[in-house]
């Protein structure tokens, strides 16, 4: 799928949106492509060990 490869849509996103707009007949019908974070691939090794589980709120127990 477009946007799922190593470039994360930076190379193919605009081209894919243009082709879809031509197929559908208008740019508005195709929607607009926007880049979403991460704007560059992030190796999973960079994420390991950096997550603080203390930041996750603990749900309150349900009343009986």
PDB file of N, CA and C in Angstrom:
ATOM      1  N   UNK A   1       0.835  -1.182   0.000  1.00  0.00           N
ATOM      2  CA  UNK A   1       0.000   0.000   0.000  1.00  0.00           C
ATOM      3  C   UNK A   1       0.876   1.241   0.000  1.00  0.00           C
ATOM      4  N   UNK A   2       0.353   2.271  -0.618  1.00  0.00           N
ATOM      5  CA  UNK A   2       1.080   3.546  -0.639  1.00  0.00           C
ATOM      6  C   UNK A   2       1.199   4.091   0.777  1.00  0.00           C
ATOM      7  N   UNK A   3       2.366   4.574   1.101  1.00  0.00           N
ATOM      8  CA  UNK A   3       2.599   5.147   2.414  1.00  0.00           C
ATOM      9  C   UNK A   3       3.020   4.155   3.467  1.00  0.00           C
ATOM     10  N   UNK A   4       3.069   2.871   3.136  1.00  0.00           N
ATOM     11  CA  UNK A   4       3.410   1.851   4.121  1.00  0.00           C
ATOM     12  C   UNK A   4       4.850   1.365   3.983  1.00  0.00           C
ATOM     13  N   UNK A   5       5.560   1.837   2.973  1.00  0.00           N
ATOM     14  CA  UNK A   5       6.927   1.380   2.740  1.00  0.00           C
ATOM     15  C   UNK A   5       7.941   2.178   3.529  1.00  0.00           C
ATOM     16  N   UNK A   6       9.212   1.990   3.198  1.00  0.00           N
ATOM     17  CA  UNK A   6      10.281   2.659   3.938  1.00  0.00           C
ATOM     18  C   UNK A   6      10.193   4.185   3.906  1.00  0.00           C
ATOM     19  N   UNK A   7       9.632   4.760   2.839  1.00  0.00           N
ATOM     20  CA  UNK A   7       9.572   6.226   2.752  1.00  0.00           C
ATOM     21  C   UNK A   7       8.383   6.802   3.522  1.00  0.00           C
ATOM     22  N   UNK A   8       7.471   5.932   3.993  1.00  0.00           N
ATOM     23  CA  UNK A   8       6.292   6.360   4.753  1.00  0.00           C
ATOM     24  C   UNK A   8       5.442   7.374   3.986  1.00  0.00           C
ATOM     25  N   UNK A   9       5.421   7.244   2.654  1.00  0.00           N
ATOM     26  CA  UNK A   9       4.587   8.112   1.834  1.00  0.00           C
ATOM     27  C   UNK A   9       5.229   9.411   1.405  1.00  0.00           C
ATOM     28  N   UNK A  10       6.449   9.671   1.826  1.00  0.00           N
ATOM     29  CA  UNK A  10       7.095  10.918   1.439  1.00  0.00           C
ATOM     30  C   UNK A  10       7.369  10.971  -0.055  1.00  0.00           C
ATOM     31  N   UNK A  11       7.608   9.838  -0.680  1.00  0.00           N
ATOM     32  CA  UNK A  11       7.887   9.807  -2.117  1.00  0.00           C
ATOM     33  C   UNK A  11       6.618   9.557  -2.934  1.00  0.00           C
ATOM     34  N   UNK A  12       5.770   8.666  -2.491  1.00  0.00           N
ATOM     35  CA  UNK A  12       4.628   8.238  -3.310  1.00  0.00           C
ATOM     36  C   UNK A  12       3.321   8.913  -2.924  1.00  0.00           C
ATOM     37  N   UNK A  13       3.260   9.585  -1.803  1.00  0.00           N
ATOM     38  CA  UNK A  13       1.990  10.121  -1.311  1.00  0.00           C
ATOM     39  C   UNK A  13       1.323  11.095  -2.261  1.00  0.00           C
ATOM     40  N   UNK A  14       2.069  12.069  -2.734  1.00  0.00           N
ATOM     41  CA  UNK A  14       1.492  13.068  -3.633  1.00  0.00           C
ATOM     42  C   UNK A  14       1.121  12.450  -4.972  1.00  0.00           C
ATOM     43  N   UNK A  15       1.969  11.549  -5.477  1.00  0.00           N
ATOM     44  CA  UNK A  15       1.672  10.875  -6.743  1.00  0.00           C
ATOM     45  C   UNK A  15       0.415  10.022  -6.618  1.00  0.00           C
ATOM     46  N   UNK A  16       0.296   9.280  -5.538  1.00  0.00           N
ATOM     47  CA  UNK A  16      -0.891   8.447  -5.326  1.00  0.00           C
ATOM     48  C   UNK A  16      -2.148   9.306  -5.215  1.00  0.00           C
ATOM     49  N   UNK A  17      -2.059  10.438  -4.529  1.00  0.00           N
ATOM     50  CA  UNK A  17      -3.211  11.327  -4.396  1.00  0.00           C
ATOM     51  C   UNK A  17      -3.609  11.908  -5.751  1.00  0.00           C
ATOM     52  N   UNK A  18      -2.626  12.246  -6.581  1.00  0.00           N
ATOM     53  CA  UNK A  18      -2.910  12.774  -7.914  1.00  0.00           C
ATOM     54  C   UNK A  18      -3.589  11.726  -8.784  1.00  0.00           C
ATOM     55  N   UNK A  19      -3.072  10.495  -8.757  1.00  0.00           N
ATOM     56  CA  UNK A  19      -3.683   9.420  -9.544  1.00  0.00           C
ATOM     57  C   UNK A  19      -5.109   9.130  -9.079  1.00  0.00           C
ATOM     58  N   UNK A  20      -5.331   9.134  -7.779  1.00  0.00           N
ATOM     59  CA  UNK A  20      -6.671   8.899  -7.249  1.00  0.00           C
ATOM     60  C   UNK A  20      -7.619  10.026  -7.646  1.00  0.00           C
ATOM     61  N   UNK A  21      -7.131  11.273  -7.614  1.00  0.00           N
ATOM     62  CA  UNK A  21      -7.956  12.414  -8.012  1.00  0.00           C
ATOM     63  C   UNK A  21      -8.341  12.312  -9.484  1.00  0.00           C
ATOM     64  N   UNK A  22      -7.405  11.888 -10.329  1.00  0.00           N
ATOM     65  CA  UNK A  22      -7.725  11.712 -11.755  1.00  0.00           C
ATOM     66  C   UNK A  22      -8.780  10.626 -11.934  1.00  0.00           C
ATOM     67  N   UNK A  23      -8.646   9.554 -11.182  1.00  0.00           N
ATOM     68  CA  UNK A  23      -9.596   8.439 -11.291  1.00  0.00           C
ATOM     69  C   UNK A  23     -10.992   8.848 -10.812  1.00  0.00           C
ATOM     70  N   UNK A  24     -11.053   9.603  -9.720  1.00  0.00           N
ATOM     71  CA  UNK A  24     -12.340  10.005  -9.150  1.00  0.00           C
ATOM     72  C   UNK A  24     -12.927  11.248  -9.808  1.00  0.00           C
ATOM     73  N   UNK A  25     -12.089  12.001 -10.522  1.00  0.00           N
ATOM     74  CA  UNK A  25     -12.587  13.174 -11.231  1.00  0.00           C
ATOM     75  C   UNK A  25     -12.326  14.506 -10.565  1.00  0.00           C
ATOM     76  N   UNK A  26     -11.923  14.524  -9.305  1.00  0.00           N
ATOM     77  CA  UNK A  26     -11.612  15.801  -8.650  1.00  0.00           C
ATOM     78  C   UNK A  26     -10.683  15.580  -7.466  1.00  0.00           C
ATOM     79  N   UNK A  27      -9.938  16.614  -7.161  1.00  0.00           N
ATOM     80  CA  UNK A  27      -9.017  16.554  -6.023  1.00  0.00           C
ATOM     81  C   UNK A  27      -9.797  16.467  -4.708  1.00  0.00           C
ATOM     82  N   UNK A  28     -10.910  17.154  -4.631  1.00  0.00           N
ATOM     83  CA  UNK A  28     -11.708  17.142  -3.398  1.00  0.00           C
ATOM     84  C   UNK A  28     -12.270  15.753  -3.113  1.00  0.00           C
ATOM     85  N   UNK A  29     -12.665  15.039  -4.157  1.00  0.00           N
ATOM     86  CA  UNK A  29     -13.207  13.690  -3.970  1.00  0.00           C
ATOM     87  C   UNK A  29     -12.140  12.720  -3.476  1.00  0.00           C
ATOM     88  N   UNK A  30     -10.890  12.985  -3.844  1.00  0.00           N
ATOM     89  CA  UNK A  30      -9.792  12.106  -3.435  1.00  0.00           C
ATOM     90  C   UNK A  30      -9.345  12.384  -2.007  1.00  0.00           C
ATOM     91  N   UNK A  31      -9.658  13.556  -1.492  1.00  0.00           N
ATOM     92  CA  UNK A  31      -9.183  13.922  -0.163  1.00  0.00           C
ATOM     93  C   UNK A  31      -7.762  14.448  -0.234  1.00  0.00           C
ATOM     94  N   UNK A  32      -7.239  14.825   0.882  1.00  0.00           N
ATOM     95  CA  UNK A  32      -5.901  15.401   0.922  1.00  0.00           C
ATOM     96  C   UNK A  32      -5.007  14.552   1.792  1.00  0.00           C
ATOM     97  N   UNK A  33      -3.817  14.306   1.310  1.00  0.00           N
ATOM     98  CA  UNK A  33      -2.828  13.511   2.032  1.00  0.00           C
ATOM     99  C   UNK A  33      -2.071  14.419   2.982  1.00  0.00           C
ATOM    100  N   UNK A  34      -1.932  14.001   4.200  1.00  0.00           N
ATOM    101  CA  UNK A  34      -1.135  14.756   5.165  1.00  0.00           C
ATOM    102  C   UNK A  34      -0.148  13.817   5.824  1.00  0.00           C
ATOM    103  N   UNK A  35       1.042  14.312   6.009  1.00  0.00           N
ATOM    104  CA  UNK A  35       2.045  13.528   6.707  1.00  0.00           C
ATOM    105  C   UNK A  35       1.708  13.441   8.179  1.00  0.00           C
ATOM    106  N   UNK A  36       1.927  12.304   8.759  1.00  0.00           N
ATOM    107  CA  UNK A  36       1.659  12.125  10.185  1.00  0.00           C
ATOM    108  C   UNK A  36       2.918  11.610  10.855  1.00  0.00           C
ATOM    109  N   UNK A  37       3.127  11.990  12.104  1.00  0.00           N
ATOM    110  CA  UNK A  37       4.318  11.508  12.802  1.00  0.00           C
ATOM    111  C   UNK A  37       4.328  10.001  12.886  1.00  0.00           C
ATOM    112  N   UNK A  38       5.437   9.320  12.892  1.00  0.00           N
ATOM    113  CA  UNK A  38       6.752   9.926  12.726  1.00  0.00           C
ATOM    114  C   UNK A  38       6.976  10.319  11.280  1.00  0.00           C
ATOM    115  N   UNK A  39       7.591  11.472  11.087  1.00  0.00           N
ATOM    116  CA  UNK A  39       7.856  11.959   9.741  1.00  0.00           C
ATOM    117  C   UNK A  39       9.033  11.246   9.110  1.00  0.00           C
ATOM    118  N   UNK A  40       9.722  10.481   9.888  1.00  0.00           N
ATOM    119  CA  UNK A  40      10.787   9.619   9.369  1.00  0.00           C
ATOM    120  C   UNK A  40      10.704   8.313  10.143  1.00  0.00           C
ATOM    121  N   UNK A  41      11.130   7.214   9.528  1.00  0.00           N
ATOM    122  CA  UNK A  41      11.066   5.933  10.238  1.00  0.00           C
ATOM    123  C   UNK A  41      11.871   5.973  11.539  1.00  0.00           C
ATOM    124  N   UNK A  42      11.324   5.388  12.574  1.00  0.00           N
ATOM    125  CA  UNK A  42      11.999   5.318  13.868  1.00  0.00           C
ATOM    126  C   UNK A  42      12.313   3.852  14.153  1.00  0.00           C
ATOM    127  N   UNK A  43      13.595   3.522  14.317  1.00  0.00           N
ATOM    128  CA  UNK A  43      13.934   2.133  14.644  1.00  0.00           C
ATOM    129  C   UNK A  43      13.323   1.733  15.986  1.00  0.00           C
ATOM    130  N   UNK A  44      12.806   0.517  16.060  1.00  0.00           N
ATOM    131  CA  UNK A  44      12.218   0.050  17.316  1.00  0.00           C
ATOM    132  C   UNK A  44      13.233   0.047  18.446  1.00  0.00           C
ATOM    133  N   UNK A  45      14.499  -0.174  18.122  1.00  0.00           N
ATOM    134  CA  UNK A  45      15.532  -0.161  19.158  1.00  0.00           C
ATOM    135  C   UNK A  45      15.599   1.195  19.854  1.00  0.00           C
ATOM    136  N   UNK A  46      15.250   2.278  19.138  1.00  0.00           N
ATOM    137  CA  UNK A  46      15.244   3.601  19.755  1.00  0.00           C
ATOM    138  C   UNK A  46      14.111   3.752  20.765  1.00  0.00           C
ATOM    139  N   UNK A  47      13.066   2.962  20.599  1.00  0.00           N
ATOM    140  CA  UNK A  47      11.915   3.068  21.491  1.00  0.00           C
ATOM    141  C   UNK A  47      12.015   2.163  22.718  1.00  0.00           C
ATOM    142  N   UNK A  48      12.838   1.143  22.638  1.00  0.00           N
ATOM    143  CA  UNK A  48      12.945   0.185  23.740  1.00  0.00           C
ATOM    144  C   UNK A  48      13.499   0.846  24.993  1.00  0.00           C
ATOM    145  N   UNK A  49      12.880   0.565  26.094  1.00  0.00           N
ATOM    146  CA  UNK A  49      13.379   1.048  27.374  1.00  0.00           C
ATOM    147  C   UNK A  49      13.082   2.503  27.656  1.00  0.00           C
ATOM    148  N   UNK A  50      12.356   3.168  26.786  1.00  0.00           N
ATOM    149  CA  UNK A  50      12.090   4.584  26.999  1.00  0.00           C
ATOM    150  C   UNK A  50      10.630   4.859  27.354  1.00  0.00           C
ATOM    151  N   UNK A  51       9.873   3.810  27.582  1.00  0.00           N
ATOM    152  CA  UNK A  51       8.461   3.990  27.903  1.00  0.00           C
ATOM    153  C   UNK A  51       8.289   3.927  29.408  1.00  0.00           C
ATOM    154  N   UNK A  52       7.642   4.917  29.974  1.00  0.00           N
ATOM    155  CA  UNK A  52       7.428   4.973  31.414  1.00  0.00           C
ATOM    156  C   UNK A  52       5.999   4.517  31.717  1.00  0.00           C
ATOM    157  N   UNK A  53       5.882   3.301  32.209  1.00  0.00           N
ATOM    158  CA  UNK A  53       4.562   2.747  32.499  1.00  0.00           C
ATOM    159  C   UNK A  53       3.871   3.473  33.651  1.00  0.00           C
ATOM    160  N   UNK A  54       4.604   4.240  34.431  1.00  0.00           N
ATOM    161  CA  UNK A  54       4.000   4.985  35.538  1.00  0.00           C
ATOM    162  C   UNK A  54       3.081   6.092  35.026  1.00  0.00           C
ATOM    163  N   UNK A  55       3.235   6.482  33.760  1.00  0.00           N
ATOM    164  CA  UNK A  55       2.392   7.535  33.194  1.00  0.00           C
ATOM    165  C   UNK A  55       0.999   7.047  32.814  1.00  0.00           C
ATOM    166  N   UNK A  56       0.781   5.733  32.810  1.00  0.00           N
ATOM    167  CA  UNK A  56      -0.521   5.191  32.427  1.00  0.00           C
ATOM    168  C   UNK A  56      -1.445   5.246  33.639  1.00  0.00           C
ATOM    169  N   UNK A  57      -2.591   5.928  33.505  1.00  0.00           N
ATOM    170  CA  UNK A  57      -3.502   5.980  34.651  1.00  0.00           C
ATOM    171  C   UNK A  57      -4.106   4.605  34.931  1.00  0.00           C
ATOM    172  N   UNK A  58      -4.221   4.286  36.190  1.00  0.00           N
ATOM    173  CA  UNK A  58      -4.812   3.011  36.604  1.00  0.00           C
ATOM    174  C   UNK A  58      -6.314   3.228  36.741  1.00  0.00           C
ATOM    175  N   UNK A  59      -7.125   2.413  36.055  1.00  0.00           N
ATOM    176  CA  UNK A  59      -8.575   2.611  36.157  1.00  0.00           C
ATOM    177  C   UNK A  59      -9.076   2.317  37.563  1.00  0.00           C
ATOM    178  N   UNK A  60     -10.086   3.048  37.950  1.00  0.00           N
ATOM    179  CA  UNK A  60     -10.703   2.836  39.255  1.00  0.00           C
ATOM    180  C   UNK A  60     -11.546   1.568  39.189  1.00  0.00           C
ATOM    181  N   UNK A  61     -11.625   0.812  40.286  1.00  0.00           N
ATOM    182  CA  UNK A  61     -12.469  -0.386  40.278  1.00  0.00           C
ATOM    183  C   UNK A  61     -13.942   0.002  40.123  1.00  0.00           C
ATOM    184  N   UNK A  62     -14.675  -0.858  39.460  1.00  0.00           N
ATOM    185  CA  UNK A  62     -16.102  -0.607  39.256  1.00  0.00           C
ATOM    186  C   UNK A  62     -16.849  -0.769  40.578  1.00  0.00           C
ATOM    187  N   UNK A  63     -17.838   0.094  40.827  1.00  0.00           N
ATOM    188  CA  UNK A  63     -18.627  -0.066  42.060  1.00  0.00           C
ATOM    189  C   UNK A  63     -19.454  -1.346  41.993  1.00  0.00           C
ATOM    190  N   UNK A  64     -19.641  -1.962  43.141  1.00  0.00           N
ATOM    191  CA  UNK A  64     -20.408  -3.215  43.192  1.00  0.00           C
ATOM    192  C   UNK A  64     -21.859  -2.965  43.372  1.00  0.00           C
TER     193      UNK A  64
END
